[in-house]
Amino acid sequence: MNESEVTHKEQQLAAAARQELERSSATLDTFTLARLRAARLRALQSASSSPALLGWRSAIAASVALALLAGVLLWQVPAPSPNGNTALEMLSAVDEGYDLYENLEFYEWLEAQSDEEQG
C-alpha cells in the first residue's frame, strides 16, 4: 500500500467520522446542546485569559534562567589565593623559570637516556 492509498483511506475515515458526529449532534436535545455551548464558551474564555498567565510564567522562567546563569558564572570564577596574590602575580614573581634554559643540555641528555631505556 503506497502513501497516496493511505492518505485516501485516512480522508475517507475522517469524512465518515465527521458525518457520524453531525448525525449524532443533530439528534441531541436542547438541554445537552445548551450544556455543550456553555462548556465551549468556558473553554474559550479560559483560553483567552491564559496569555496573562503565560506572561507571568515566561517572566518567572526567565528569572530562574538568569539566576542559574549567574550561579554558573560565579562558580566558574577562580577563588583568590590565600595570600591575596593572583596566579599571574605568582608566576611573574618566580625567577627560577630561567634555570630551565640554562640546564637545557641536561634535559636533552635525560630525555635521550629515557628513550634508550624504553627502546
PDB file of N, CA and C in Angstrom:
ATOM      1  N   MET A   1       0.851  -1.164   0.000  1.00  0.00           N
ATOM      2  CA  MET A   1       0.000   0.000   0.000  1.00  0.00           C
ATOM      3  C   MET A   1       0.901   1.233   0.000  1.00  0.00           C
ATOM      4  N   ASN A   2       0.714   2.096  -0.972  1.00  0.00           N
ATOM      5  CA  ASN A   2       1.563   3.277  -1.059  1.00  0.00           C
ATOM      6  C   ASN A   2       0.972   4.438  -0.242  1.00  0.00           C
ATOM      7  N   GLU A   3       1.699   5.517  -0.224  1.00  0.00           N
ATOM      8  CA  GLU A   3       1.327   6.651   0.626  1.00  0.00           C
ATOM      9  C   GLU A   3       0.018   7.305   0.198  1.00  0.00           C
ATOM     10  N   SER A   4      -0.236   7.372  -1.097  1.00  0.00           N
ATOM     11  CA  SER A   4      -1.470   8.011  -1.565  1.00  0.00           C
ATOM     12  C   SER A   4      -2.702   7.185  -1.179  1.00  0.00           C
ATOM     13  N   GLU A   5      -2.566   5.847  -1.171  1.00  0.00           N
ATOM     14  CA  GLU A   5      -3.693   4.997  -0.744  1.00  0.00           C
ATOM     15  C   GLU A   5      -3.971   5.192   0.743  1.00  0.00           C
ATOM     16  N   VAL A   6      -2.904   5.313   1.552  1.00  0.00           N
ATOM     17  CA  VAL A   6      -3.078   5.526   2.987  1.00  0.00           C
ATOM     18  C   VAL A   6      -3.740   6.873   3.235  1.00  0.00           C
ATOM     19  N   THR A   7      -3.295   7.903   2.548  1.00  0.00           N
ATOM     20  CA  THR A   7      -3.871   9.232   2.698  1.00  0.00           C
ATOM     21  C   THR A   7      -5.344   9.226   2.282  1.00  0.00           C
ATOM     22  N   HIS A   8      -5.665   8.525   1.198  1.00  0.00           N
ATOM     23  CA  HIS A   8      -7.047   8.439   0.728  1.00  0.00           C
ATOM     24  C   HIS A   8      -7.913   7.725   1.769  1.00  0.00           C
ATOM     25  N   LYS A   9      -7.408   6.641   2.354  1.00  0.00           N
ATOM     26  CA  LYS A   9      -8.178   5.913   3.372  1.00  0.00           C
ATOM     27  C   LYS A   9      -8.363   6.765   4.620  1.00  0.00           C
ATOM     28  N   GLU A  10      -7.340   7.541   5.004  1.00  0.00           N
ATOM     29  CA  GLU A  10      -7.466   8.435   6.159  1.00  0.00           C
ATOM     30  C   GLU A  10      -8.520   9.496   5.899  1.00  0.00           C
ATOM     31  N   GLN A  11      -8.561  10.022   4.676  1.00  0.00           N
ATOM     32  CA  GLN A  11      -9.556  11.039   4.328  1.00  0.00           C
ATOM     33  C   GLN A  11     -10.966  10.446   4.372  1.00  0.00           C
ATOM     34  N   GLN A  12     -11.107   9.212   3.903  1.00  0.00           N
ATOM     35  CA  GLN A  12     -12.416   8.547   3.943  1.00  0.00           C
ATOM     36  C   GLN A  12     -12.859   8.334   5.390  1.00  0.00           C
ATOM     37  N   LEU A  13     -11.927   7.913   6.243  1.00  0.00           N
ATOM     38  CA  LEU A  13     -12.249   7.678   7.643  1.00  0.00           C
ATOM     39  C   LEU A  13     -12.652   8.988   8.321  1.00  0.00           C
ATOM     40  N   ALA A  14     -11.921  10.070   8.049  1.00  0.00           N
ATOM     41  CA  ALA A  14     -12.247  11.368   8.632  1.00  0.00           C
ATOM     42  C   ALA A  14     -13.620  11.843   8.156  1.00  0.00           C
ATOM     43  N   ALA A  15     -13.926  11.638   6.892  1.00  0.00           N
ATOM     44  CA  ALA A  15     -15.230  12.044   6.364  1.00  0.00           C
ATOM     45  C   ALA A  15     -16.354  11.243   7.015  1.00  0.00           C
ATOM     46  N   ALA A  16     -16.134   9.956   7.208  1.00  0.00           N
ATOM     47  CA  ALA A  16     -17.155   9.119   7.849  1.00  0.00           C
ATOM     48  C   ALA A  16     -17.343   9.533   9.303  1.00  0.00           C
ATOM     49  N   ALA A  17     -16.275   9.842   9.994  1.00  0.00           N
ATOM     50  CA  ALA A  17     -16.375  10.273  11.393  1.00  0.00           C
ATOM     51  C   ALA A  17     -17.101  11.609  11.490  1.00  0.00           C
ATOM     52  N   ARG A  18     -16.834  12.513  10.546  1.00  0.00           N
ATOM     53  CA  ARG A  18     -17.492  13.819  10.540  1.00  0.00           C
ATOM     54  C   ARG A  18     -18.997  13.649  10.314  1.00  0.00           C
ATOM     55  N   GLN A  19     -19.375  12.780   9.391  1.00  0.00           N
ATOM     56  CA  GLN A  19     -20.795  12.554   9.110  1.00  0.00           C
ATOM     57  C   GLN A  19     -21.495  11.961  10.333  1.00  0.00           C
ATOM     58  N   GLU A  20     -20.856  11.030  10.996  1.00  0.00           N
ATOM     59  CA  GLU A  20     -21.460  10.414  12.180  1.00  0.00           C
ATOM     60  C   GLU A  20     -21.597  11.434  13.306  1.00  0.00           C
ATOM     61  N   LEU A  21     -20.600  12.291  13.477  1.00  0.00           N
ATOM     62  CA  LEU A  21     -20.662  13.320  14.507  1.00  0.00           C
ATOM     63  C   LEU A  21     -21.791  14.303  14.219  1.00  0.00           C
ATOM     64  N   GLU A  22     -21.934  14.714  12.970  1.00  0.00           N
ATOM     65  CA  GLU A  22     -23.015  15.632  12.605  1.00  0.00           C
ATOM     66  C   GLU A  22     -24.381  14.980  12.797  1.00  0.00           C
ATOM     67  N   ARG A  23     -24.482  13.707  12.452  1.00  0.00           N
ATOM     68  CA  ARG A  23     -25.751  12.992  12.613  1.00  0.00           C
ATOM     69  C   ARG A  23     -26.126  12.867  14.080  1.00  0.00           C
ATOM     70  N   SER A  24     -25.123  12.547  14.930  1.00  0.00           N
ATOM     71  CA  SER A  24     -25.435  12.371  16.349  1.00  0.00           C
ATOM     72  C   SER A  24     -25.711  13.709  17.029  1.00  0.00           C
ATOM     73  N   SER A  25     -25.062  14.788  16.578  1.00  0.00           N
ATOM     74  CA  SER A  25     -25.324  16.097  17.190  1.00  0.00           C
ATOM     75  C   SER A  25     -26.689  16.642  16.772  1.00  0.00           C
ATOM     76  N   ALA A  26     -27.181  16.220  15.643  1.00  0.00           N
ATOM     77  CA  ALA A  26     -28.495  16.679  15.191  1.00  0.00           C
ATOM     78  C   ALA A  26     -29.610  16.083  16.041  1.00  0.00           C
ATOM     79  N   THR A  27     -29.357  14.965  16.678  1.00  0.00           N
ATOM     80  CA  THR A  27     -30.394  14.310  17.471  1.00  0.00           C
ATOM     81  C   THR A  27     -30.309  14.658  18.952  1.00  0.00           C
ATOM     82  N   LEU A  28     -29.422  15.588  19.328  1.00  0.00           N
ATOM     83  CA  LEU A  28     -29.286  15.963  20.740  1.00  0.00           C
ATOM     84  C   LEU A  28     -30.442  16.846  21.183  1.00  0.00           C
ATOM     85  N   ASP A  29     -30.816  16.714  22.440  1.00  0.00           N
ATOM     86  CA  ASP A  29     -31.883  17.557  22.968  1.00  0.00           C
ATOM     87  C   ASP A  29     -31.336  18.946  23.280  1.00  0.00           C
ATOM     88  N   THR A  30     -32.211  19.902  23.518  1.00  0.00           N
ATOM     89  CA  THR A  30     -31.801  21.289  23.722  1.00  0.00           C
ATOM     90  C   THR A  30     -30.996  21.469  25.005  1.00  0.00           C
ATOM     91  N   PHE A  31     -31.303  20.710  26.046  1.00  0.00           N
ATOM     92  CA  PHE A  31     -30.567  20.828  27.301  1.00  0.00           C
ATOM     93  C   PHE A  31     -29.101  20.431  27.093  1.00  0.00           C
ATOM     94  N   THR A  32     -28.863  19.337  26.397  1.00  0.00           N
ATOM     95  CA  THR A  32     -27.490  18.896  26.139  1.00  0.00           C
ATOM     96  C   THR A  32     -26.758  19.885  25.251  1.00  0.00           C
ATOM     97  N   LEU A  33     -27.447  20.407  24.236  1.00  0.00           N
ATOM     98  CA  LEU A  33     -26.829  21.404  23.377  1.00  0.00           C
ATOM     99  C   LEU A  33     -26.447  22.661  24.159  1.00  0.00           C
ATOM    100  N   ALA A  34     -27.298  23.082  25.097  1.00  0.00           N
ATOM    101  CA  ALA A  34     -27.007  24.263  25.909  1.00  0.00           C
ATOM    102  C   ALA A  34     -25.783  24.004  26.794  1.00  0.00           C
ATOM    103  N   ARG A  35     -25.704  22.794  27.367  1.00  0.00           N
ATOM    104  CA  ARG A  35     -24.546  22.457  28.200  1.00  0.00           C
ATOM    105  C   ARG A  35     -23.264  22.434  27.369  1.00  0.00           C
ATOM    106  N   LEU A  36     -23.336  21.899  26.167  1.00  0.00           N
ATOM    107  CA  LEU A  36     -22.162  21.867  25.293  1.00  0.00           C
ATOM    108  C   LEU A  36     -21.718  23.278  24.909  1.00  0.00           C
ATOM    109  N   ARG A  37     -22.695  24.159  24.594  1.00  0.00           N
ATOM    110  CA  ARG A  37     -22.346  25.543  24.259  1.00  0.00           C
ATOM    111  C   ARG A  37     -21.708  26.257  25.453  1.00  0.00           C
ATOM    112  N   ALA A  38     -22.238  26.013  26.658  1.00  0.00           N
ATOM    113  CA  ALA A  38     -21.674  26.638  27.855  1.00  0.00           C
ATOM    114  C   ALA A  38     -20.247  26.141  28.103  1.00  0.00           C
ATOM    115  N   ALA A  39     -20.031  24.850  27.909  1.00  0.00           N
ATOM    116  CA  ALA A  39     -18.684  24.303  28.089  1.00  0.00           C
ATOM    117  C   ALA A  39     -17.722  24.887  27.059  1.00  0.00           C
ATOM    118  N   ARG A  40     -18.203  25.061  25.841  1.00  0.00           N
ATOM    119  CA  ARG A  40     -17.360  25.663  24.793  1.00  0.00           C
ATOM    120  C   ARG A  40     -17.001  27.098  25.138  1.00  0.00           C
ATOM    121  N   LEU A  41     -17.981  27.865  25.622  1.00  0.00           N
ATOM    122  CA  LEU A  41     -17.715  29.259  25.998  1.00  0.00           C
ATOM    123  C   LEU A  41     -16.721  29.340  27.158  1.00  0.00           C
ATOM    124  N   ARG A  42     -16.873  28.454  28.151  1.00  0.00           N
ATOM    125  CA  ARG A  42     -15.919  28.439  29.270  1.00  0.00           C
ATOM    126  C   ARG A  42     -14.509  28.123  28.773  1.00  0.00           C
ATOM    127  N   ALA A  43     -14.402  27.188  27.853  1.00  0.00           N
ATOM    128  CA  ALA A  43     -13.092  26.833  27.311  1.00  0.00           C
ATOM    129  C   ALA A  43     -12.487  27.998  26.541  1.00  0.00           C
ATOM    130  N   LEU A  44     -13.300  28.710  25.763  1.00  0.00           N
ATOM    131  CA  LEU A  44     -12.800  29.858  25.009  1.00  0.00           C
ATOM    132  C   LEU A  44     -12.385  30.995  25.940  1.00  0.00           C
ATOM    133  N   GLN A  45     -13.146  31.210  27.013  1.00  0.00           N
ATOM    134  CA  GLN A  45     -12.798  32.271  27.963  1.00  0.00           C
ATOM    135  C   GLN A  45     -11.506  31.945  28.709  1.00  0.00           C
ATOM    136  N   SER A  46     -11.330  30.694  29.103  1.00  0.00           N
ATOM    137  CA  SER A  46     -10.090  30.332  29.817  1.00  0.00           C
ATOM    138  C   SER A  46      -8.899  30.404  28.869  1.00  0.00           C
ATOM    139  N   ALA A  47      -9.116  30.114  27.594  1.00  0.00           N
ATOM    140  CA  ALA A  47      -8.028  30.222  26.622  1.00  0.00           C
ATOM    141  C   ALA A  47      -7.660  31.680  26.386  1.00  0.00           C
ATOM    142  N   SER A  48      -8.647  32.577  26.416  1.00  0.00           N
ATOM    143  CA  SER A  48      -8.345  33.985  26.191  1.00  0.00           C
ATOM    144  C   SER A  48      -7.688  34.619  27.411  1.00  0.00           C
ATOM    145  N   SER A  49      -7.909  34.072  28.603  1.00  0.00           N
ATOM    146  CA  SER A  49      -7.269  34.633  29.799  1.00  0.00           C
ATOM    147  C   SER A  49      -5.885  34.043  30.032  1.00  0.00           C
ATOM    148  N   SER A  50      -5.523  33.021  29.316  1.00  0.00           N
ATOM    149  CA  SER A  50      -4.231  32.385  29.541  1.00  0.00           C
ATOM    150  C   SER A  50      -3.028  33.197  29.056  1.00  0.00           C
ATOM    151  N   PRO A  51      -3.122  34.146  28.117  1.00  0.00           N
ATOM    152  CA  PRO A  51      -1.930  34.917  27.758  1.00  0.00           C
ATOM    153  C   PRO A  51      -1.326  35.681  28.941  1.00  0.00           C
ATOM    154  N   ALA A  52      -2.171  36.188  29.847  1.00  0.00           N
ATOM    155  CA  ALA A  52      -1.633  36.859  31.035  1.00  0.00           C
ATOM    156  C   ALA A  52      -0.880  35.861  31.891  1.00  0.00           C
ATOM    157  N   LEU A  53      -1.455  34.691  32.046  1.00  0.00           N
ATOM    158  CA  LEU A  53      -0.783  33.647  32.811  1.00  0.00           C
ATOM    159  C   LEU A  53       0.488  33.215  32.114  1.00  0.00           C
ATOM    160  N   LEU A  54       0.440  33.155  30.800  1.00  0.00           N
ATOM    161  CA  LEU A  54       1.629  32.800  30.028  1.00  0.00           C
ATOM    162  C   LEU A  54       2.721  33.843  30.205  1.00  0.00           C
ATOM    163  N   GLY A  55       2.341  35.118  30.286  1.00  0.00           N
ATOM    164  CA  GLY A  55       3.312  36.181  30.511  1.00  0.00           C
ATOM    165  C   GLY A  55       4.012  36.034  31.856  1.00  0.00           C
ATOM    166  N   TRP A  56       3.253  35.714  32.898  1.00  0.00           N
ATOM    167  CA  TRP A  56       3.859  35.503  34.217  1.00  0.00           C
ATOM    168  C   TRP A  56       4.771  34.292  34.209  1.00  0.00           C
ATOM    169  N   ARG A  57       4.337  33.239  33.571  1.00  0.00           N
ATOM    170  CA  ARG A  57       5.175  32.033  33.509  1.00  0.00           C
ATOM    171  C   ARG A  57       6.473  32.321  32.760  1.00  0.00           C
ATOM    172  N   SER A  58       6.385  33.095  31.695  1.00  0.00           N
ATOM    173  CA  SER A  58       7.588  33.443  30.936  1.00  0.00           C
ATOM    174  C   SER A  58       8.530  34.290  31.774  1.00  0.00           C
ATOM    175  N   ALA A  59       7.984  35.240  32.532  1.00  0.00           N
ATOM    176  CA  ALA A  59       8.818  36.089  33.379  1.00  0.00           C
ATOM    177  C   ALA A  59       9.499  35.272  34.475  1.00  0.00           C
ATOM    178  N   ILE A  60       8.774  34.353  35.067  1.00  0.00           N
ATOM    179  CA  ILE A  60       9.360  33.505  36.109  1.00  0.00           C
ATOM    180  C   ILE A  60      10.434  32.604  35.519  1.00  0.00           C
ATOM    181  N   ALA A  61      10.156  32.022  34.355  1.00  0.00           N
ATOM    182  CA  ALA A  61      11.143  31.146  33.712  1.00  0.00           C
ATOM    183  C   ALA A  61      12.407  31.921  33.344  1.00  0.00           C
ATOM    184  N   ALA A  62      12.245  33.145  32.852  1.00  0.00           N
ATOM    185  CA  ALA A  62      13.414  33.958  32.506  1.00  0.00           C
ATOM    186  C   ALA A  62      14.215  34.314  33.755  1.00  0.00           C
ATOM    187  N   SER A  63      13.535  34.615  34.855  1.00  0.00           N
ATOM    188  CA  SER A  63      14.232  34.937  36.104  1.00  0.00           C
ATOM    189  C   SER A  63      15.020  33.751  36.618  1.00  0.00           C
ATOM    190  N   VAL A  64      14.422  32.579  36.568  1.00  0.00           N
ATOM    191  CA  VAL A  64      15.115  31.372  37.024  1.00  0.00           C
ATOM    192  C   VAL A  64      16.326  31.093  36.134  1.00  0.00           C
ATOM    193  N   ALA A  65      16.160  31.255  34.830  1.00  0.00           N
ATOM    194  CA  ALA A  65      17.276  31.019  33.910  1.00  0.00           C
ATOM    195  C   ALA A  65      18.417  31.999  34.164  1.00  0.00           C
ATOM    196  N   LEU A  66      18.101  33.263  34.409  1.00  0.00           N
ATOM    197  CA  LEU A  66      19.141  34.252  34.698  1.00  0.00           C
ATOM    198  C   LEU A  66      19.838  33.956  36.020  1.00  0.00           C
ATOM    199  N   ALA A  67      19.090  33.515  37.023  1.00  0.00           N
ATOM    200  CA  ALA A  67      19.697  33.167  38.305  1.00  0.00           C
ATOM    201  C   ALA A  67      20.638  31.978  38.151  1.00  0.00           C
ATOM    202  N   LEU A  68      20.227  30.986  37.367  1.00  0.00           N
ATOM    203  CA  LEU A  68      21.096  29.833  37.123  1.00  0.00           C
ATOM    204  C   LEU A  68      22.356  30.241  36.364  1.00  0.00           C
ATOM    205  N   LEU A  69      22.201  31.098  35.383  1.00  0.00           N
ATOM    206  CA  LEU A  69      23.350  31.571  34.624  1.00  0.00           C
ATOM    207  C   LEU A  69      24.319  32.336  35.523  1.00  0.00           C
ATOM    208  N   ALA A  70      23.784  33.198  36.376  1.00  0.00           N
ATOM    209  CA  ALA A  70      24.644  33.944  37.299  1.00  0.00           C
ATOM    210  C   ALA A  70      25.363  32.993  38.247  1.00  0.00           C
ATOM    211  N   GLY A  71      24.660  31.964  38.722  1.00  0.00           N
ATOM    212  CA  GLY A  71      25.286  30.985  39.609  1.00  0.00           C
ATOM    213  C   GLY A  71      26.410  30.241  38.929  1.00  0.00           C
ATOM    214  N   VAL A  72      26.194  29.844  37.686  1.00  0.00           N
ATOM    215  CA  VAL A  72      27.234  29.117  36.946  1.00  0.00           C
ATOM    216  C   VAL A  72      28.432  30.022  36.691  1.00  0.00           C
ATOM    217  N   LEU A  73      28.181  31.266  36.316  1.00  0.00           N
ATOM    218  CA  LEU A  73      29.282  32.190  36.056  1.00  0.00           C
ATOM    219  C   LEU A  73      30.075  32.486  37.322  1.00  0.00           C
ATOM    220  N   LEU A  74      29.390  32.648  38.435  1.00  0.00           N
ATOM    221  CA  LEU A  74      30.098  32.895  39.691  1.00  0.00           C
ATOM    222  C   LEU A  74      30.872  31.662  40.143  1.00  0.00           C
ATOM    223  N   TRP A  75      30.350  30.493  39.848  1.00  0.00           N
ATOM    224  CA  TRP A  75      31.014  29.263  40.245  1.00  0.00           C
ATOM    225  C   TRP A  75      32.297  29.060  39.443  1.00  0.00           C
ATOM    226  N   GLN A  76      32.322  29.558  38.203  1.00  0.00           N
ATOM    227  CA  GLN A  76      33.475  29.390  37.328  1.00  0.00           C
ATOM    228  C   GLN A  76      34.612  30.358  37.638  1.00  0.00           C
ATOM    229  N   VAL A  77      34.338  31.436  38.370  1.00  0.00           N
ATOM    230  CA  VAL A  77      35.370  32.420  38.693  1.00  0.00           C
ATOM    231  C   VAL A  77      36.317  31.801  39.710  1.00  0.00           C
ATOM    232  N   PRO A  78      37.633  31.816  39.437  1.00  0.00           N
ATOM    233  CA  PRO A  78      38.564  31.207  40.379  1.00  0.00           C
ATOM    234  C   PRO A  78      38.623  31.983  41.687  1.00  0.00           C
ATOM    235  N   ALA A  79      38.778  31.247  42.767  1.00  0.00           N
ATOM    236  CA  ALA A  79      38.869  31.874  44.085  1.00  0.00           C
ATOM    237  C   ALA A  79      40.247  32.507  44.242  1.00  0.00           C
ATOM    238  N   PRO A  80      40.343  33.614  44.954  1.00  0.00           N
ATOM    239  CA  PRO A  80      41.652  34.231  45.166  1.00  0.00           C
ATOM    240  C   PRO A  80      42.524  33.347  46.056  1.00  0.00           C
ATOM    241  N   SER A  81      43.827  33.468  45.870  1.00  0.00           N
ATOM    242  CA  SER A  81      44.742  32.671  46.685  1.00  0.00           C
ATOM    243  C   SER A  81      44.738  33.192  48.120  1.00  0.00           C
ATOM    244  N   PRO A  82      45.139  32.364  49.086  1.00  0.00           N
ATOM    245  CA  PRO A  82      45.065  32.763  50.492  1.00  0.00           C
ATOM    246  C   PRO A  82      45.894  34.006  50.824  1.00  0.00           C
ATOM    247  N   ASN A  83      47.024  34.200  50.146  1.00  0.00           N
ATOM    248  CA  ASN A  83      47.855  35.354  50.465  1.00  0.00           C
ATOM    249  C   ASN A  83      47.478  36.598  49.661  1.00  0.00           C
ATOM    250  N   GLY A  84      46.437  36.510  48.849  1.00  0.00           N
ATOM    251  CA  GLY A  84      45.951  37.670  48.123  1.00  0.00           C
ATOM    252  C   GLY A  84      46.570  37.850  46.755  1.00  0.00           C
ATOM    253  N   ASN A  85      47.546  37.048  46.385  1.00  0.00           N
ATOM    254  CA  ASN A  85      48.183  37.175  45.068  1.00  0.00           C
ATOM    255  C   ASN A  85      47.377  36.428  44.029  1.00  0.00           C
ATOM    256  N   THR A  86      47.332  36.972  42.841  1.00  0.00           N
ATOM    257  CA  THR A  86      46.693  36.261  41.747  1.00  0.00           C
ATOM    258  C   THR A  86      47.706  35.303  41.129  1.00  0.00           C
ATOM    259  N   ALA A  87      47.219  34.416  40.301  1.00  0.00           N
ATOM    260  CA  ALA A  87      48.099  33.434  39.673  1.00  0.00           C
ATOM    261  C   ALA A  87      49.148  34.121  38.802  1.00  0.00           C
ATOM    262  N   LEU A  88      48.768  35.179  38.104  1.00  0.00           N
ATOM    263  CA  LEU A  88      49.704  35.893  37.246  1.00  0.00           C
ATOM    264  C   LEU A  88      50.814  36.541  38.065  1.00  0.00           C
ATOM    265  N   GLU A  89      50.451  37.117  39.202  1.00  0.00           N
ATOM    266  CA  GLU A  89      51.462  37.719  40.062  1.00  0.00           C
ATOM    267  C   GLU A  89      52.428  36.669  40.604  1.00  0.00           C
ATOM    268  N   MET A  90      51.891  35.503  40.964  1.00  0.00           N
ATOM    269  CA  MET A  90      52.750  34.452  41.492  1.00  0.00           C
ATOM    270  C   MET A  90      53.703  33.941  40.419  1.00  0.00           C
ATOM    271  N   LEU A  91      53.211  33.793  39.172  1.00  0.00           N
ATOM    272  CA  LEU A  91      54.083  33.312  38.097  1.00  0.00           C
ATOM    273  C   LEU A  91      55.141  34.333  37.721  1.00  0.00           C
ATOM    274  N   SER A  92      54.781  35.594  37.722  1.00  0.00           N
ATOM    275  CA  SER A  92      55.750  36.615  37.348  1.00  0.00           C
ATOM    276  C   SER A  92      56.787  36.837  38.447  1.00  0.00           C
ATOM    277  N   ALA A  93      56.480  36.459  39.686  1.00  0.00           N
ATOM    278  CA  ALA A  93      57.420  36.633  40.784  1.00  0.00           C
ATOM    279  C   ALA A  93      58.479  35.541  40.813  1.00  0.00           C
ATOM    280  N   VAL A  94      58.280  34.456  40.113  1.00  0.00           N
ATOM    281  CA  VAL A  94      59.214  33.333  40.139  1.00  0.00           C
ATOM    282  C   VAL A  94      60.359  33.617  39.178  1.00  0.00           C
ATOM    283  N   ASP A  95      61.582  33.614  39.682  1.00  0.00           N
ATOM    284  CA  ASP A  95      62.767  33.838  38.858  1.00  0.00           C
ATOM    285  C   ASP A  95      63.420  32.529  38.459  1.00  0.00           C
ATOM    286  N   GLU A  96      62.889  31.399  38.895  1.00  0.00           N
ATOM    287  CA  GLU A  96      63.502  30.112  38.614  1.00  0.00           C
ATOM    288  C   GLU A  96      63.185  29.614  37.215  1.00  0.00           C
ATOM    289  N   GLY A  97      62.360  30.287  36.473  1.00  0.00           N
ATOM    290  CA  GLY A  97      61.999  29.864  35.137  1.00  0.00           C
ATOM    291  C   GLY A  97      63.172  29.868  34.183  1.00  0.00           C
ATOM    292  N   TYR A  98      64.183  30.693  34.445  1.00  0.00           N
ATOM    293  CA  TYR A  98      65.336  30.786  33.568  1.00  0.00           C
ATOM    294  C   TYR A  98      66.300  29.632  33.787  1.00  0.00           C
ATOM    295  N   ASP A  99      66.222  28.929  34.903  1.00  0.00           N
ATOM    296  CA  ASP A  99      67.096  27.790  35.155  1.00  0.00           C
ATOM    297  C   ASP A  99      66.862  26.682  34.138  1.00  0.00           C
ATOM    298  N   LEU A 100      65.669  26.560  33.657  1.00  0.00           N
ATOM    299  CA  LEU A 100      65.356  25.537  32.658  1.00  0.00           C
ATOM    300  C   LEU A 100      66.196  25.751  31.410  1.00  0.00           C
ATOM    301  N   TYR A 101      66.318  26.996  30.967  1.00  0.00           N
ATOM    302  CA  TYR A 101      67.098  27.275  29.756  1.00  0.00           C
ATOM    303  C   TYR A 101      68.589  27.114  29.990  1.00  0.00           C
ATOM    304  N   GLU A 102      69.051  27.364  31.193  1.00  0.00           N
ATOM    305  CA  GLU A 102      70.470  27.207  31.497  1.00  0.00           C
ATOM    306  C   GLU A 102      70.871  25.741  31.515  1.00  0.00           C
ATOM    307  N   ASN A 103      69.984  24.864  31.915  1.00  0.00           N
ATOM    308  CA  ASN A 103      70.273  23.436  32.018  1.00  0.00           C
ATOM    309  C   ASN A 103      69.630  22.659  30.879  1.00  0.00           C
ATOM    310  N   LEU A 104      69.477  23.249  29.738  1.00  0.00           N
ATOM    311  CA  LEU A 104      68.791  22.629  28.608  1.00  0.00           C
ATOM    312  C   LEU A 104      69.526  21.370  28.135  1.00  0.00           C
ATOM    313  N   GLU A 105      70.853  21.375  28.148  1.00  0.00           N
ATOM    314  CA  GLU A 105      71.616  20.192  27.726  1.00  0.00           C
ATOM    315  C   GLU A 105      71.349  19.013  28.661  1.00  0.00           C
ATOM    316  N   PHE A 106      71.208  19.283  29.941  1.00  0.00           N
ATOM    317  CA  PHE A 106      70.924  18.209  30.898  1.00  0.00           C
ATOM    318  C   PHE A 106      69.576  17.572  30.592  1.00  0.00           C
ATOM    319  N   TYR A 107      68.573  18.374  30.283  1.00  0.00           N
ATOM    320  CA  TYR A 107      67.246  17.836  29.992  1.00  0.00           C
ATOM    321  C   TYR A 107      67.245  17.051  28.677  1.00  0.00           C
ATOM    322  N   GLU A 108      68.032  17.474  27.691  1.00  0.00           N
ATOM    323  CA  GLU A 108      68.160  16.712  26.444  1.00  0.00           C
ATOM    324  C   GLU A 108      68.823  15.368  26.718  1.00  0.00           C
ATOM    325  N   TRP A 109      69.891  15.363  27.546  1.00  0.00           N
ATOM    326  CA  TRP A 109      70.565  14.108  27.896  1.00  0.00           C
ATOM    327  C   TRP A 109      69.609  13.186  28.642  1.00  0.00           C
ATOM    328  N   LEU A 110      68.795  13.735  29.570  1.00  0.00           N
ATOM    329  CA  LEU A 110      67.841  12.946  30.350  1.00  0.00           C
ATOM    330  C   LEU A 110      66.793  12.318  29.447  1.00  0.00           C
ATOM    331  N   GLU A 111      66.347  13.071  28.465  1.00  0.00           N
ATOM    332  CA  GLU A 111      65.358  12.543  27.514  1.00  0.00           C
ATOM    333  C   GLU A 111      65.969  11.415  26.678  1.00  0.00           C
ATOM    334  N   ALA A 112      67.215  11.580  26.255  1.00  0.00           N
ATOM    335  CA  ALA A 112      67.895  10.541  25.463  1.00  0.00           C
ATOM    336  C   ALA A 112      68.053   9.273  26.288  1.00  0.00           C
ATOM    337  N   GLN A 113      68.356   9.404  27.586  1.00  0.00           N
ATOM    338  CA  GLN A 113      68.514   8.238  28.462  1.00  0.00           C
ATOM    339  C   GLN A 113      67.188   7.493  28.609  1.00  0.00           C
ATOM    340  N   SER A 114      66.101   8.224  28.757  1.00  0.00           N
ATOM    341  CA  SER A 114      64.806   7.565  28.923  1.00  0.00           C
ATOM    342  C   SER A 114      64.388   6.876  27.626  1.00  0.00           C
ATOM    343  N   ASP A 115      64.758   7.453  26.458  1.00  0.00           N
ATOM    344  CA  ASP A 115      64.443   6.821  25.172  1.00  0.00           C
ATOM    345  C   ASP A 115      65.244   5.535  25.023  1.00  0.00           C
ATOM    346  N   GLU A 116      66.508   5.487  25.478  1.00  0.00           N
ATOM    347  CA  GLU A 116      67.324   4.283  25.375  1.00  0.00           C
ATOM    348  C   GLU A 116      66.786   3.180  26.285  1.00  0.00           C
ATOM    349  N   GLU A 117      66.293   3.535  27.462  1.00  0.00           N
ATOM    350  CA  GLU A 117      65.749   2.550  28.396  1.00  0.00           C
ATOM    351  C   GLU A 117      64.460   1.938  27.842  1.00  0.00           C
ATOM    352  N   GLN A 118      63.654   2.730  27.180  1.00  0.00           N
ATOM    353  CA  GLN A 118      62.387   2.225  26.632  1.00  0.00           C
ATOM    354  C   GLN A 118      62.637   1.410  25.363  1.00  0.00           C
ATOM    355  N   GLY A 119      63.626   1.733  24.589  1.00  0.00           N
ATOM    356  CA  GLY A 119      63.849   1.106  23.287  1.00  0.00           C
ATOM    357  C   GLY A 119      64.714  -0.061  23.335  1.00  0.00           C
TER     358      GLY A 119
END
